[in-house]
């Protein structure tokens, strides 16, 4: 890989990271907590709170002052990563036998409080 390709790869990675960090969470609690499935990306609008059958699905949340725990009867989660003092994310996978529809149970729990978002699973 040449130097110019390395530079382009680093710049593209930085752009994606900036988009994720600057996300606009879809579900907010009054104390600054938030949770959502996926973020919008250039050329791929309407990804927020929509399960994607191609690519990786990621749960994002804001959990001020602590580590968050994601839960959902319809989703399984990989390990949670703390991005900053408040931002957390985890890979989200659809549980077997979940059909298309709207589901109101993507939850982020921070200590004794939680916030929930609704997400959709489209037809395959």
PDB file of N, CA and C in Angstrom:
ATOM      1  N   UNK A   1       0.861  -1.163   0.000  1.00  0.00           N
ATOM      2  CA  UNK A   1       0.000   0.000   0.000  1.00  0.00           C
ATOM      3  C   UNK A   1       0.911   1.230   0.000  1.00  0.00           C
ATOM      4  N   UNK A   2       0.682   2.139  -0.936  1.00  0.00           N
ATOM      5  CA  UNK A   2       1.490   3.342  -1.032  1.00  0.00           C
ATOM      6  C   UNK A   2       1.117   4.372   0.013  1.00  0.00           C
ATOM      7  N   UNK A   3       1.991   5.366   0.161  1.00  0.00           N
ATOM      8  CA  UNK A   3       1.780   6.422   1.150  1.00  0.00           C
ATOM      9  C   UNK A   3       0.456   7.150   0.926  1.00  0.00           C
ATOM     10  N   UNK A   4       0.132   7.476  -0.338  1.00  0.00           N
ATOM     11  CA  UNK A   4      -1.108   8.220  -0.593  1.00  0.00           C
ATOM     12  C   UNK A   4      -2.333   7.391  -0.221  1.00  0.00           C
ATOM     13  N   UNK A   5      -2.263   6.065  -0.421  1.00  0.00           N
ATOM     14  CA  UNK A   5      -3.378   5.206  -0.038  1.00  0.00           C
ATOM     15  C   UNK A   5      -3.527   5.166   1.482  1.00  0.00           C
ATOM     16  N   UNK A   6      -2.425   5.127   2.204  1.00  0.00           N
ATOM     17  CA  UNK A   6      -2.459   5.144   3.663  1.00  0.00           C
ATOM     18  C   UNK A   6      -3.088   6.442   4.152  1.00  0.00           C
ATOM     19  N   UNK A   7      -2.684   7.555   3.566  1.00  0.00           N
ATOM     20  CA  UNK A   7      -3.233   8.860   3.962  1.00  0.00           C
ATOM     21  C   UNK A   7      -4.733   8.901   3.705  1.00  0.00           C
ATOM     22  N   UNK A   8      -5.177   8.410   2.539  1.00  0.00           N
ATOM     23  CA  UNK A   8      -6.611   8.405   2.231  1.00  0.00           C
ATOM     24  C   UNK A   8      -7.370   7.511   3.204  1.00  0.00           C
ATOM     25  N   UNK A   9      -6.805   6.357   3.559  1.00  0.00           N
ATOM     26  CA  UNK A   9      -7.450   5.448   4.498  1.00  0.00           C
ATOM     27  C   UNK A   9      -7.589   6.097   5.880  1.00  0.00           C
ATOM     28  N   UNK A  10      -6.551   6.762   6.343  1.00  0.00           N
ATOM     29  CA  UNK A  10      -6.591   7.443   7.639  1.00  0.00           C
ATOM     30  C   UNK A  10      -7.619   8.556   7.625  1.00  0.00           C
ATOM     31  N   UNK A  11      -7.669   9.333   6.558  1.00  0.00           N
ATOM     32  CA  UNK A  11      -8.633  10.436   6.458  1.00  0.00           C
ATOM     33  C   UNK A  11     -10.056   9.895   6.434  1.00  0.00           C
ATOM     34  N   UNK A  12     -10.296   8.817   5.672  1.00  0.00           N
ATOM     35  CA  UNK A  12     -11.631   8.225   5.629  1.00  0.00           C
ATOM     36  C   UNK A  12     -12.036   7.701   6.999  1.00  0.00           C
ATOM     37  N   UNK A  13     -11.107   7.044   7.699  1.00  0.00           N
ATOM     38  CA  UNK A  13     -11.401   6.550   9.045  1.00  0.00           C
ATOM     39  C   UNK A  13     -11.726   7.673  10.003  1.00  0.00           C
ATOM     40  N   UNK A  14     -11.005   8.781   9.897  1.00  0.00           N
ATOM     41  CA  UNK A  14     -11.271   9.938  10.760  1.00  0.00           C
ATOM     42  C   UNK A  14     -12.640  10.519  10.479  1.00  0.00           C
ATOM     43  N   UNK A  15     -13.055  10.526   9.212  1.00  0.00           N
ATOM     44  CA  UNK A  15     -14.377  11.056   8.861  1.00  0.00           C
ATOM     45  C   UNK A  15     -15.484  10.201   9.449  1.00  0.00           C
ATOM     46  N   UNK A  16     -15.329   8.879   9.385  1.00  0.00           N
ATOM     47  CA  UNK A  16     -16.324   7.979   9.966  1.00  0.00           C
ATOM     48  C   UNK A  16     -16.382   8.162  11.477  1.00  0.00           C
ATOM     49  N   UNK A  17     -15.230   8.244  12.132  1.00  0.00           N
ATOM     50  CA  UNK A  17     -15.193   8.443  13.585  1.00  0.00           C
ATOM     51  C   UNK A  17     -15.872   9.751  13.972  1.00  0.00           C
ATOM     52  N   UNK A  18     -15.631  10.798  13.210  1.00  0.00           N
ATOM     53  CA  UNK A  18     -16.262  12.094  13.503  1.00  0.00           C
ATOM     54  C   UNK A  18     -17.771  12.003  13.367  1.00  0.00           C
ATOM     55  N   UNK A  19     -18.242  11.258  12.374  1.00  0.00           N
ATOM     56  CA  UNK A  19     -19.685  11.100  12.192  1.00  0.00           C
ATOM     57  C   UNK A  19     -20.308  10.361  13.366  1.00  0.00           C
ATOM     58  N   UNK A  20     -19.631   9.334  13.864  1.00  0.00           N
ATOM     59  CA  UNK A  20     -20.150   8.566  14.996  1.00  0.00           C
ATOM     60  C   UNK A  20     -20.138   9.396  16.266  1.00  0.00           C
ATOM     61  N   UNK A  21     -19.042  10.085  16.532  1.00  0.00           N
ATOM     62  CA  UNK A  21     -18.941  10.898  17.748  1.00  0.00           C
ATOM     63  C   UNK A  21     -19.963  12.014  17.745  1.00  0.00           C
ATOM     64  N   UNK A  22     -20.250  12.574  16.574  1.00  0.00           N
ATOM     65  CA  UNK A  22     -21.207  13.675  16.474  1.00  0.00           C
ATOM     66  C   UNK A  22     -22.625  13.216  16.254  1.00  0.00           C
ATOM     67  N   UNK A  23     -22.915  11.950  16.597  1.00  0.00           N
ATOM     68  CA  UNK A  23     -24.245  11.410  16.351  1.00  0.00           C
ATOM     69  C   UNK A  23     -25.317  12.200  17.088  1.00  0.00           C
ATOM     70  N   UNK A  24     -26.501  12.073  16.583  1.00  0.00           N
ATOM     71  CA  UNK A  24     -27.649  12.707  17.210  1.00  0.00           C
ATOM     72  C   UNK A  24     -28.551  11.611  17.739  1.00  0.00           C
ATOM     73  N   UNK A  25     -28.421  11.219  19.001  1.00  0.00           N
ATOM     74  CA  UNK A  25     -29.183  10.094  19.522  1.00  0.00           C
ATOM     75  C   UNK A  25     -30.686  10.277  19.378  1.00  0.00           C
ATOM     76  N   UNK A  26     -31.361   9.174  19.111  1.00  0.00           N
ATOM     77  CA  UNK A  26     -32.785   9.221  18.823  1.00  0.00           C
ATOM     78  C   UNK A  26     -33.657   9.181  20.068  1.00  0.00           C
ATOM     79  N   UNK A  27     -33.193   8.611  21.162  1.00  0.00           N
ATOM     80  CA  UNK A  27     -33.997   8.532  22.376  1.00  0.00           C
ATOM     81  C   UNK A  27     -33.233   9.194  23.519  1.00  0.00           C
ATOM     82  N   UNK A  28     -33.833  10.208  24.118  1.00  0.00           N
ATOM     83  CA  UNK A  28     -33.173  10.948  25.186  1.00  0.00           C
ATOM     84  C   UNK A  28     -33.954  10.844  26.482  1.00  0.00           C
ATOM     85  N   UNK A  29     -33.262  10.792  27.575  1.00  0.00           N
ATOM     86  CA  UNK A  29     -33.874  10.909  28.894  1.00  0.00           C
ATOM     87  C   UNK A  29     -33.523  12.304  29.411  1.00  0.00           C
ATOM     88  N   UNK A  30     -34.228  12.759  30.407  1.00  0.00           N
ATOM     89  CA  UNK A  30     -34.022  14.120  30.895  1.00  0.00           C
ATOM     90  C   UNK A  30     -32.640  14.330  31.505  1.00  0.00           C
ATOM     91  N   UNK A  31     -31.965  13.264  31.922  1.00  0.00           N
ATOM     92  CA  UNK A  31     -30.653  13.407  32.557  1.00  0.00           C
ATOM     93  C   UNK A  31     -29.483  13.272  31.577  1.00  0.00           C
ATOM     94  N   UNK A  32     -29.746  13.346  30.284  1.00  0.00           N
ATOM     95  CA  UNK A  32     -28.683  13.272  29.292  1.00  0.00           C
ATOM     96  C   UNK A  32     -28.404  11.881  28.782  1.00  0.00           C
ATOM     97  N   UNK A  33     -29.139  10.882  29.247  1.00  0.00           N
ATOM     98  CA  UNK A  33     -28.967   9.530  28.734  1.00  0.00           C
ATOM     99  C   UNK A  33     -29.631   9.421  27.365  1.00  0.00           C
ATOM    100  N   UNK A  34     -29.061   8.594  26.496  1.00  0.00           N
ATOM    101  CA  UNK A  34     -29.675   8.362  25.192  1.00  0.00           C
ATOM    102  C   UNK A  34     -29.274   6.996  24.676  1.00  0.00           C
ATOM    103  N   UNK A  35     -30.068   6.468  23.742  1.00  0.00           N
ATOM    104  CA  UNK A  35     -29.757   5.188  23.115  1.00  0.00           C
ATOM    105  C   UNK A  35     -30.341   5.168  21.706  1.00  0.00           C
ATOM    106  N   UNK A  36     -29.639   4.509  20.780  1.00  0.00           N
ATOM    107  CA  UNK A  36     -30.145   4.330  19.431  1.00  0.00           C
ATOM    108  C   UNK A  36     -29.394   3.181  18.774  1.00  0.00           C
ATOM    109  N   UNK A  37     -30.005   2.628  17.732  1.00  0.00           N
ATOM    110  CA  UNK A  37     -29.377   1.593  16.926  1.00  0.00           C
ATOM    111  C   UNK A  37     -28.890   2.240  15.640  1.00  0.00           C
ATOM    112  N   UNK A  38     -27.605   2.132  15.362  1.00  0.00           N
ATOM    113  CA  UNK A  38     -26.972   2.660  14.151  1.00  0.00           C
ATOM    114  C   UNK A  38     -26.991   4.181  14.066  1.00  0.00           C
ATOM    115  N   UNK A  39     -26.229   4.698  13.117  1.00  0.00           N
ATOM    116  CA  UNK A  39     -26.179   6.129  12.827  1.00  0.00           C
ATOM    117  C   UNK A  39     -26.347   6.305  11.329  1.00  0.00           C
ATOM    118  N   UNK A  40     -26.819   7.475  10.908  1.00  0.00           N
ATOM    119  CA  UNK A  40     -26.896   7.775   9.484  1.00  0.00           C
ATOM    120  C   UNK A  40     -25.486   7.950   8.941  1.00  0.00           C
ATOM    121  N   UNK A  41     -25.281   7.519   7.717  1.00  0.00           N
ATOM    122  CA  UNK A  41     -23.991   7.681   7.056  1.00  0.00           C
ATOM    123  C   UNK A  41     -24.232   8.272   5.668  1.00  0.00           C
ATOM    124  N   UNK A  42     -23.235   8.922   5.129  1.00  0.00           N
ATOM    125  CA  UNK A  42     -23.352   9.505   3.792  1.00  0.00           C
ATOM    126  C   UNK A  42     -23.774   8.417   2.810  1.00  0.00           C
ATOM    127  N   UNK A  43     -24.777   8.703   2.021  1.00  0.00           N
ATOM    128  CA  UNK A  43     -25.258   7.749   1.041  1.00  0.00           C
ATOM    129  C   UNK A  43     -26.133   6.646   1.607  1.00  0.00           C
ATOM    130  N   UNK A  44     -26.336   6.630   2.909  1.00  0.00           N
ATOM    131  CA  UNK A  44     -27.165   5.613   3.551  1.00  0.00           C
ATOM    132  C   UNK A  44     -28.090   6.270   4.578  1.00  0.00           C
ATOM    133  N   UNK A  45     -29.027   7.081   4.125  1.00  0.00           N
ATOM    134  CA  UNK A  45     -29.920   7.748   5.077  1.00  0.00           C
ATOM    135  C   UNK A  45     -30.886   6.767   5.737  1.00  0.00           C
ATOM    136  N   UNK A  46     -31.475   7.212   6.789  1.00  0.00           N
ATOM    137  CA  UNK A  46     -32.504   6.460   7.518  1.00  0.00           C
ATOM    138  C   UNK A  46     -32.003   5.159   8.117  1.00  0.00           C
ATOM    139  N   UNK A  47     -30.765   5.141   8.592  1.00  0.00           N
ATOM    140  CA  UNK A  47     -30.229   3.959   9.269  1.00  0.00           C
ATOM    141  C   UNK A  47     -30.533   3.985  10.764  1.00  0.00           C
ATOM    142  N   UNK A  48     -30.796   5.163  11.312  1.00  0.00           N
ATOM    143  CA  UNK A  48     -31.015   5.263  12.752  1.00  0.00           C
ATOM    144  C   UNK A  48     -32.242   4.447  13.150  1.00  0.00           C
ATOM    145  N   UNK A  49     -32.028   3.571  14.128  1.00  0.00           N
ATOM    146  CA  UNK A  49     -33.075   2.709  14.679  1.00  0.00           C
ATOM    147  C   UNK A  49     -33.707   1.785  13.648  1.00  0.00           C
ATOM    148  N   UNK A  50     -32.921   1.408  12.622  1.00  0.00           N
ATOM    149  CA  UNK A  50     -33.340   0.420  11.638  1.00  0.00           C
ATOM    150  C   UNK A  50     -32.261  -0.653  11.557  1.00  0.00           C
ATOM    151  N   UNK A  51     -32.636  -1.905  11.798  1.00  0.00           N
ATOM    152  CA  UNK A  51     -31.674  -2.993  11.702  1.00  0.00           C
ATOM    153  C   UNK A  51     -31.243  -3.158  10.252  1.00  0.00           C
ATOM    154  N   UNK A  52     -29.954  -3.369  10.026  1.00  0.00           N
ATOM    155  CA  UNK A  52     -29.396  -3.528   8.681  1.00  0.00           C
ATOM    156  C   UNK A  52     -28.984  -4.985   8.485  1.00  0.00           C
ATOM    157  N   UNK A  53     -29.456  -5.601   7.403  1.00  0.00           N
ATOM    158  CA  UNK A  53     -29.067  -6.980   7.131  1.00  0.00           C
ATOM    159  C   UNK A  53     -27.719  -7.068   6.428  1.00  0.00           C
ATOM    160  N   UNK A  54     -27.213  -5.947   5.953  1.00  0.00           N
ATOM    161  CA  UNK A  54     -25.871  -5.914   5.377  1.00  0.00           C
ATOM    162  C   UNK A  54     -25.029  -4.993   6.244  1.00  0.00           C
ATOM    163  N   UNK A  55     -23.837  -5.418   6.555  1.00  0.00           N
ATOM    164  CA  UNK A  55     -22.971  -4.598   7.399  1.00  0.00           C
ATOM    165  C   UNK A  55     -23.195  -4.855   8.872  1.00  0.00           C
ATOM    166  N   UNK A  56     -22.515  -4.061   9.680  1.00  0.00           N
ATOM    167  CA  UNK A  56     -22.544  -4.205  11.129  1.00  0.00           C
ATOM    168  C   UNK A  56     -23.594  -3.279  11.724  1.00  0.00           C
ATOM    169  N   UNK A  57     -24.331  -3.766  12.693  1.00  0.00           N
ATOM    170  CA  UNK A  57     -25.276  -2.950  13.450  1.00  0.00           C
ATOM    171  C   UNK A  57     -24.633  -2.611  14.782  1.00  0.00           C
ATOM    172  N   UNK A  58     -24.780  -1.350  15.193  1.00  0.00           N
ATOM    173  CA  UNK A  58     -24.152  -0.899  16.427  1.00  0.00           C
ATOM    174  C   UNK A  58     -25.163  -0.142  17.277  1.00  0.00           C
ATOM    175  N   UNK A  59     -25.225  -0.509  18.558  1.00  0.00           N
ATOM    176  CA  UNK A  59     -26.025   0.251  19.517  1.00  0.00           C
ATOM    177  C   UNK A  59     -25.124   1.344  20.076  1.00  0.00           C
ATOM    178  N   UNK A  60     -25.632   2.576  20.113  1.00  0.00           N
ATOM    179  CA  UNK A  60     -24.899   3.721  20.654  1.00  0.00           C
ATOM    180  C   UNK A  60     -25.682   4.289  21.817  1.00  0.00           C
ATOM    181  N   UNK A  61     -24.968   4.779  22.817  1.00  0.00           N
ATOM    182  CA  UNK A  61     -25.655   5.376  23.941  1.00  0.00           C
ATOM    183  C   UNK A  61     -24.809   6.392  24.676  1.00  0.00           C
ATOM    184  N   UNK A  62     -25.497   7.239  25.408  1.00  0.00           N
ATOM    185  CA  UNK A  62     -24.850   8.206  26.300  1.00  0.00           C
ATOM    186  C   UNK A  62     -25.267   7.844  27.711  1.00  0.00           C
ATOM    187  N   UNK A  63     -24.257   7.643  28.547  1.00  0.00           N
ATOM    188  CA  UNK A  63     -24.481   7.219  29.921  1.00  0.00           C
ATOM    189  C   UNK A  63     -23.605   8.102  30.814  1.00  0.00           C
ATOM    190  N   UNK A  64     -24.090   9.297  31.154  1.00  0.00           N
ATOM    191  CA  UNK A  64     -23.271  10.227  31.928  1.00  0.00           C
ATOM    192  C   UNK A  64     -22.780   9.633  33.245  1.00  0.00           C
ATOM    193  N   UNK A  65     -21.492   9.731  33.449  1.00  0.00           N
ATOM    194  CA  UNK A  65     -20.902   9.327  34.715  1.00  0.00           C
ATOM    195  C   UNK A  65     -20.796   7.844  34.965  1.00  0.00           C
ATOM    196  N   UNK A  66     -20.925   7.021  33.947  1.00  0.00           N
ATOM    197  CA  UNK A  66     -20.804   5.602  34.237  1.00  0.00           C
ATOM    198  C   UNK A  66     -20.840   4.722  33.019  1.00  0.00           C
ATOM    199  N   UNK A  67     -20.720   3.435  33.264  1.00  0.00           N
ATOM    200  CA  UNK A  67     -20.740   2.448  32.195  1.00  0.00           C
ATOM    201  C   UNK A  67     -22.173   2.013  31.936  1.00  0.00           C
ATOM    202  N   UNK A  68     -22.539   1.943  30.661  1.00  0.00           N
ATOM    203  CA  UNK A  68     -23.884   1.539  30.305  1.00  0.00           C
ATOM    204  C   UNK A  68     -23.971   0.068  29.959  1.00  0.00           C
ATOM    205  N   UNK A  69     -25.162  -0.492  30.121  1.00  0.00           N
ATOM    206  CA  UNK A  69     -25.441  -1.878  29.767  1.00  0.00           C
ATOM    207  C   UNK A  69     -26.609  -1.875  28.789  1.00  0.00           C
ATOM    208  N   UNK A  70     -26.387  -2.437  27.587  1.00  0.00           N
ATOM    209  CA  UNK A  70     -27.450  -2.545  26.589  1.00  0.00           C
ATOM    210  C   UNK A  70     -28.231  -3.827  26.822  1.00  0.00           C
ATOM    211  N   UNK A  71     -29.544  -3.785  26.543  1.00  0.00           N
ATOM    212  CA  UNK A  71     -30.365  -4.990  26.613  1.00  0.00           C
ATOM    213  C   UNK A  71     -31.513  -4.877  25.622  1.00  0.00           C
ATOM    214  N   UNK A  72     -31.996  -6.044  25.168  1.00  0.00           N
ATOM    215  CA  UNK A  72     -33.132  -6.109  24.257  1.00  0.00           C
ATOM    216  C   UNK A  72     -33.564  -7.558  24.119  1.00  0.00           C
ATOM    217  N   UNK A  73     -34.867  -7.826  24.143  1.00  0.00           N
ATOM    218  CA  UNK A  73     -35.320  -9.197  23.906  1.00  0.00           C
ATOM    219  C   UNK A  73     -35.053  -9.644  22.467  1.00  0.00           C
ATOM    220  N   UNK A  74     -34.887  -8.689  21.543  1.00  0.00           N
ATOM    221  CA  UNK A  74     -34.723  -9.018  20.130  1.00  0.00           C
ATOM    222  C   UNK A  74     -33.275  -8.988  19.652  1.00  0.00           C
ATOM    223  N   UNK A  75     -32.381  -8.377  20.424  1.00  0.00           N
ATOM    224  CA  UNK A  75     -30.993  -8.220  20.000  1.00  0.00           C
ATOM    225  C   UNK A  75     -30.026  -8.874  20.978  1.00  0.00           C
ATOM    226  N   UNK A  76     -28.916  -9.333  20.451  1.00  0.00           N
ATOM    227  CA  UNK A  76     -27.781  -9.795  21.253  1.00  0.00           C
ATOM    228  C   UNK A  76     -26.680  -8.764  21.082  1.00  0.00           C
ATOM    229  N   UNK A  77     -25.852  -8.552  22.103  1.00  0.00           N
ATOM    230  CA  UNK A  77     -24.822  -7.519  22.041  1.00  0.00           C
ATOM    231  C   UNK A  77     -23.439  -8.091  22.270  1.00  0.00           C
ATOM    232  N   UNK A  78     -22.475  -7.554  21.503  1.00  0.00           N
ATOM    233  CA  UNK A  78     -21.077  -7.858  21.752  1.00  0.00           C
ATOM    234  C   UNK A  78     -20.627  -7.041  22.947  1.00  0.00           C
ATOM    235  N   UNK A  79     -19.359  -7.070  23.234  1.00  0.00           N
ATOM    236  CA  UNK A  79     -18.871  -6.329  24.397  1.00  0.00           C
ATOM    237  C   UNK A  79     -19.078  -4.833  24.222  1.00  0.00           C
ATOM    238  N   UNK A  80     -19.349  -4.171  25.320  1.00  0.00           N
ATOM    239  CA  UNK A  80     -19.594  -2.723  25.325  1.00  0.00           C
ATOM    240  C   UNK A  80     -18.251  -2.009  25.377  1.00  0.00           C
ATOM    241  N   UNK A  81     -18.119  -0.985  24.542  1.00  0.00           N
ATOM    242  CA  UNK A  81     -16.899  -0.178  24.503  1.00  0.00           C
ATOM    243  C   UNK A  81     -17.222   1.225  24.986  1.00  0.00           C
ATOM    244  N   UNK A  82     -16.452   1.725  25.900  1.00  0.00           N
ATOM    245  CA  UNK A  82     -16.605   3.082  26.422  1.00  0.00           C
ATOM    246  C   UNK A  82     -15.779   4.009  25.539  1.00  0.00           C
ATOM    247  N   UNK A  83     -16.429   4.889  24.762  1.00  0.00           N
ATOM    248  CA  UNK A  83     -15.735   5.797  23.848  1.00  0.00           C
ATOM    249  C   UNK A  83     -15.204   7.032  24.550  1.00  0.00           C
ATOM    250  N   UNK A  84     -15.878   7.451  25.576  1.00  0.00           N
ATOM    251  CA  UNK A  84     -15.487   8.640  26.343  1.00  0.00           C
ATOM    252  C   UNK A  84     -16.114   8.493  27.722  1.00  0.00           C
ATOM    253  N   UNK A  85     -16.120   9.565  28.472  1.00  0.00           N
ATOM    254  CA  UNK A  85     -16.717   9.504  29.809  1.00  0.00           C
ATOM    255  C   UNK A  85     -18.214   9.198  29.756  1.00  0.00           C
ATOM    256  N   UNK A  86     -18.859   9.496  28.628  1.00  0.00           N
ATOM    257  CA  UNK A  86     -20.301   9.282  28.544  1.00  0.00           C
ATOM    258  C   UNK A  86     -20.748   8.402  27.382  1.00  0.00           C
ATOM    259  N   UNK A  87     -19.988   8.294  26.315  1.00  0.00           N
ATOM    260  CA  UNK A  87     -20.416   7.585  25.105  1.00  0.00           C
ATOM    261  C   UNK A  87     -20.012   6.113  25.134  1.00  0.00           C
ATOM    262  N   UNK A  88     -20.974   5.223  24.853  1.00  0.00           N
ATOM    263  CA  UNK A  88     -20.725   3.784  24.799  1.00  0.00           C
ATOM    264  C   UNK A  88     -21.292   3.227  23.496  1.00  0.00           C
ATOM    265  N   UNK A  89     -20.734   2.111  23.045  1.00  0.00           N
ATOM    266  CA  UNK A  89     -21.296   1.432  21.885  1.00  0.00           C
ATOM    267  C   UNK A  89     -21.018  -0.063  21.971  1.00  0.00           C
ATOM    268  N   UNK A  90     -21.839  -0.850  21.253  1.00  0.00           N
ATOM    269  CA  UNK A  90     -21.664  -2.298  21.208  1.00  0.00           C
ATOM    270  C   UNK A  90     -22.258  -2.825  19.904  1.00  0.00           C
ATOM    271  N   UNK A  91     -21.630  -3.851  19.338  1.00  0.00           N
ATOM    272  CA  UNK A  91     -22.187  -4.487  18.149  1.00  0.00           C
ATOM    273  C   UNK A  91     -23.502  -5.156  18.536  1.00  0.00           C
ATOM    274  N   UNK A  92     -24.500  -5.037  17.663  1.00  0.00           N
ATOM    275  CA  UNK A  92     -25.822  -5.610  17.926  1.00  0.00           C
ATOM    276  C   UNK A  92     -26.167  -6.630  16.839  1.00  0.00           C
ATOM    277  N   UNK A  93     -26.620  -7.807  17.261  1.00  0.00           N
ATOM    278  CA  UNK A  93     -26.995  -8.861  16.336  1.00  0.00           C
ATOM    279  C   UNK A  93     -28.434  -9.276  16.608  1.00  0.00           C
ATOM    280  N   UNK A  94     -29.160  -9.598  15.553  1.00  0.00           N
ATOM    281  CA  UNK A  94     -30.554 -10.001  15.686  1.00  0.00           C
ATOM    282  C   UNK A  94     -30.640 -11.425  16.228  1.00  0.00           C
ATOM    283  N   UNK A  95     -31.498 -11.620  17.224  1.00  0.00           N
ATOM    284  CA  UNK A  95     -31.706 -12.967  17.760  1.00  0.00           C
ATOM    285  C   UNK A  95     -32.432 -13.815  16.700  1.00  0.00           C
ATOM    286  N   UNK A  96     -32.258 -15.126  16.742  1.00  0.00           N
ATOM    287  CA  UNK A  96     -32.953 -16.003  15.789  1.00  0.00           C
ATOM    288  C   UNK A  96     -34.476 -15.868  15.915  1.00  0.00           C
ATOM    289  N   UNK A  97     -35.162 -16.077  14.815  1.00  0.00           N
ATOM    290  CA  UNK A  97     -36.630 -16.108  14.738  1.00  0.00           C
ATOM    291  C   UNK A  97     -37.304 -14.746  14.916  1.00  0.00           C
ATOM    292  N   UNK A  98     -36.558 -13.644  14.904  1.00  0.00           N
ATOM    293  CA  UNK A  98     -37.179 -12.316  14.985  1.00  0.00           C
ATOM    294  C   UNK A  98     -37.667 -11.940  13.584  1.00  0.00           C
ATOM    295  N   UNK A  99     -38.916 -11.553  13.481  1.00  0.00           N
ATOM    296  CA  UNK A  99     -39.518 -11.217  12.190  1.00  0.00           C
ATOM    297  C   UNK A  99     -39.561  -9.702  12.000  1.00  0.00           C
ATOM    298  N   UNK A 100     -39.883  -9.282  10.787  1.00  0.00           N
ATOM    299  CA  UNK A 100     -39.988  -7.860  10.471  1.00  0.00           C
ATOM    300  C   UNK A 100     -41.023  -7.202  11.376  1.00  0.00           C
ATOM    301  N   UNK A 101     -40.734  -5.951  11.770  1.00  0.00           N
ATOM    302  CA  UNK A 101     -41.671  -5.218  12.603  1.00  0.00           C
ATOM    303  C   UNK A 101     -40.973  -4.159  13.423  1.00  0.00           C
ATOM    304  N   UNK A 102     -41.748  -3.459  14.238  1.00  0.00           N
ATOM    305  CA  UNK A 102     -41.210  -2.433  15.134  1.00  0.00           C
ATOM    306  C   UNK A 102     -41.104  -3.032  16.531  1.00  0.00           C
ATOM    307  N   UNK A 103     -39.980  -2.773  17.182  1.00  0.00           N
ATOM    308  CA  UNK A 103     -39.727  -3.317  18.503  1.00  0.00           C
ATOM    309  C   UNK A 103     -39.351  -2.194  19.457  1.00  0.00           C
ATOM    310  N   UNK A 104     -40.031  -2.106  20.600  1.00  0.00           N
ATOM    311  CA  UNK A 104     -39.771  -1.039  21.570  1.00  0.00           C
ATOM    312  C   UNK A 104     -38.989  -1.598  22.747  1.00  0.00           C
ATOM    313  N   UNK A 105     -37.793  -2.046  22.472  1.00  0.00           N
ATOM    314  CA  UNK A 105     -37.016  -2.553  23.584  1.00  0.00           C
ATOM    315  C   UNK A 105     -35.525  -2.571  23.288  1.00  0.00           C
ATOM    316  N   UNK A 106     -34.981  -1.467  22.869  1.00  0.00           N
ATOM    317  CA  UNK A 106     -33.529  -1.296  22.889  1.00  0.00           C
ATOM    318  C   UNK A 106     -33.281  -0.408  24.088  1.00  0.00           C
ATOM    319  N   UNK A 107     -32.707  -0.975  25.135  1.00  0.00           N
ATOM    320  CA  UNK A 107     -32.569  -0.268  26.402  1.00  0.00           C
ATOM    321  C   UNK A 107     -31.109  -0.092  26.773  1.00  0.00           C
ATOM    322  N   UNK A 108     -30.778   1.080  27.298  1.00  0.00           N
ATOM    323  CA  UNK A 108     -29.474   1.340  27.892  1.00  0.00           C
ATOM    324  C   UNK A 108     -29.719   1.639  29.363  1.00  0.00           C
ATOM    325  N   UNK A 109     -29.069   0.865  30.227  1.00  0.00           N
ATOM    326  CA  UNK A 109     -29.200   1.067  31.667  1.00  0.00           C
ATOM    327  C   UNK A 109     -27.897   1.623  32.212  1.00  0.00           C
ATOM    328  N   UNK A 110     -28.006   2.697  32.970  1.00  0.00           N
ATOM    329  CA  UNK A 110     -26.866   3.350  33.618  1.00  0.00           C
ATOM    330  C   UNK A 110     -27.191   3.437  35.106  1.00  0.00           C
ATOM    331  N   UNK A 111     -26.563   2.603  35.889  1.00  0.00           N
ATOM    332  CA  UNK A 111     -26.882   2.595  37.316  1.00  0.00           C
ATOM    333  C   UNK A 111     -28.316   2.173  37.529  1.00  0.00           C
ATOM    334  N   UNK A 112     -29.113   3.035  38.168  1.00  0.00           N
ATOM    335  CA  UNK A 112     -30.517   2.736  38.458  1.00  0.00           C
ATOM    336  C   UNK A 112     -31.478   3.318  37.444  1.00  0.00           C
ATOM    337  N   UNK A 113     -30.975   3.936  36.385  1.00  0.00           N
ATOM    338  CA  UNK A 113     -31.835   4.571  35.394  1.00  0.00           C
ATOM    339  C   UNK A 113     -31.656   3.918  34.043  1.00  0.00           C
ATOM    340  N   UNK A 114     -32.684   4.018  33.203  1.00  0.00           N
ATOM    341  CA  UNK A 114     -32.583   3.462  31.863  1.00  0.00           C
ATOM    342  C   UNK A 114     -33.356   4.320  30.877  1.00  0.00           C
ATOM    343  N   UNK A 115     -33.006   4.161  29.606  1.00  0.00           N
ATOM    344  CA  UNK A 115     -33.689   4.840  28.515  1.00  0.00           C
ATOM    345  C   UNK A 115     -33.899   3.798  27.419  1.00  0.00           C
ATOM    346  N   UNK A 116     -35.049   3.874  26.740  1.00  0.00           N
ATOM    347  CA  UNK A 116     -35.416   2.870  25.751  1.00  0.00           C
ATOM    348  C   UNK A 116     -35.748   3.535  24.421  1.00  0.00           C
ATOM    349  N   UNK A 117     -35.372   2.872  23.330  1.00  0.00           N
ATOM    350  CA  UNK A 117     -35.691   3.345  21.990  1.00  0.00           C
ATOM    351  C   UNK A 117     -36.447   2.256  21.234  1.00  0.00           C
ATOM    352  N   UNK A 118     -37.232   2.672  20.269  1.00  0.00           N
ATOM    353  CA  UNK A 118     -37.918   1.761  19.366  1.00  0.00           C
ATOM    354  C   UNK A 118     -37.069   1.611  18.114  1.00  0.00           C
ATOM    355  N   UNK A 119     -36.926   0.383  17.616  1.00  0.00           N
ATOM    356  CA  UNK A 119     -36.208   0.167  16.370  1.00  0.00           C
ATOM    357  C   UNK A 119     -37.033  -0.747  15.479  1.00  0.00           C
ATOM    358  N   UNK A 120     -36.762  -0.746  14.187  1.00  0.00           N
ATOM    359  CA  UNK A 120     -37.491  -1.577  13.254  1.00  0.00           C
ATOM    360  C   UNK A 120     -36.576  -2.614  12.608  1.00  0.00           C
ATOM    361  N   UNK A 121     -37.175  -3.725  12.278  1.00  0.00           N
ATOM    362  CA  UNK A 121     -36.517  -4.775  11.508  1.00  0.00           C
ATOM    363  C   UNK A 121     -37.281  -4.858  10.198  1.00  0.00           C
ATOM    364  N   UNK A 122     -36.625  -4.538   9.070  1.00  0.00           N
ATOM    365  CA  UNK A 122     -37.316  -4.580   7.782  1.00  0.00           C
ATOM    366  C   UNK A 122     -37.475  -6.014   7.270  1.00  0.00           C
ATOM    367  N   UNK A 123     -38.282  -6.181   6.246  1.00  0.00           N
ATOM    368  CA  UNK A 123     -38.386  -7.475   5.568  1.00  0.00           C
ATOM    369  C   UNK A 123     -37.046  -7.811   4.947  1.00  0.00           C
ATOM    370  N   UNK A 124     -36.725  -9.068   4.894  1.00  0.00           N
ATOM    371  CA  UNK A 124     -35.481  -9.497   4.220  1.00  0.00           C
ATOM    372  C   UNK A 124     -35.678  -9.485   2.741  1.00  0.00           C
TER     373      UNK A 124
END
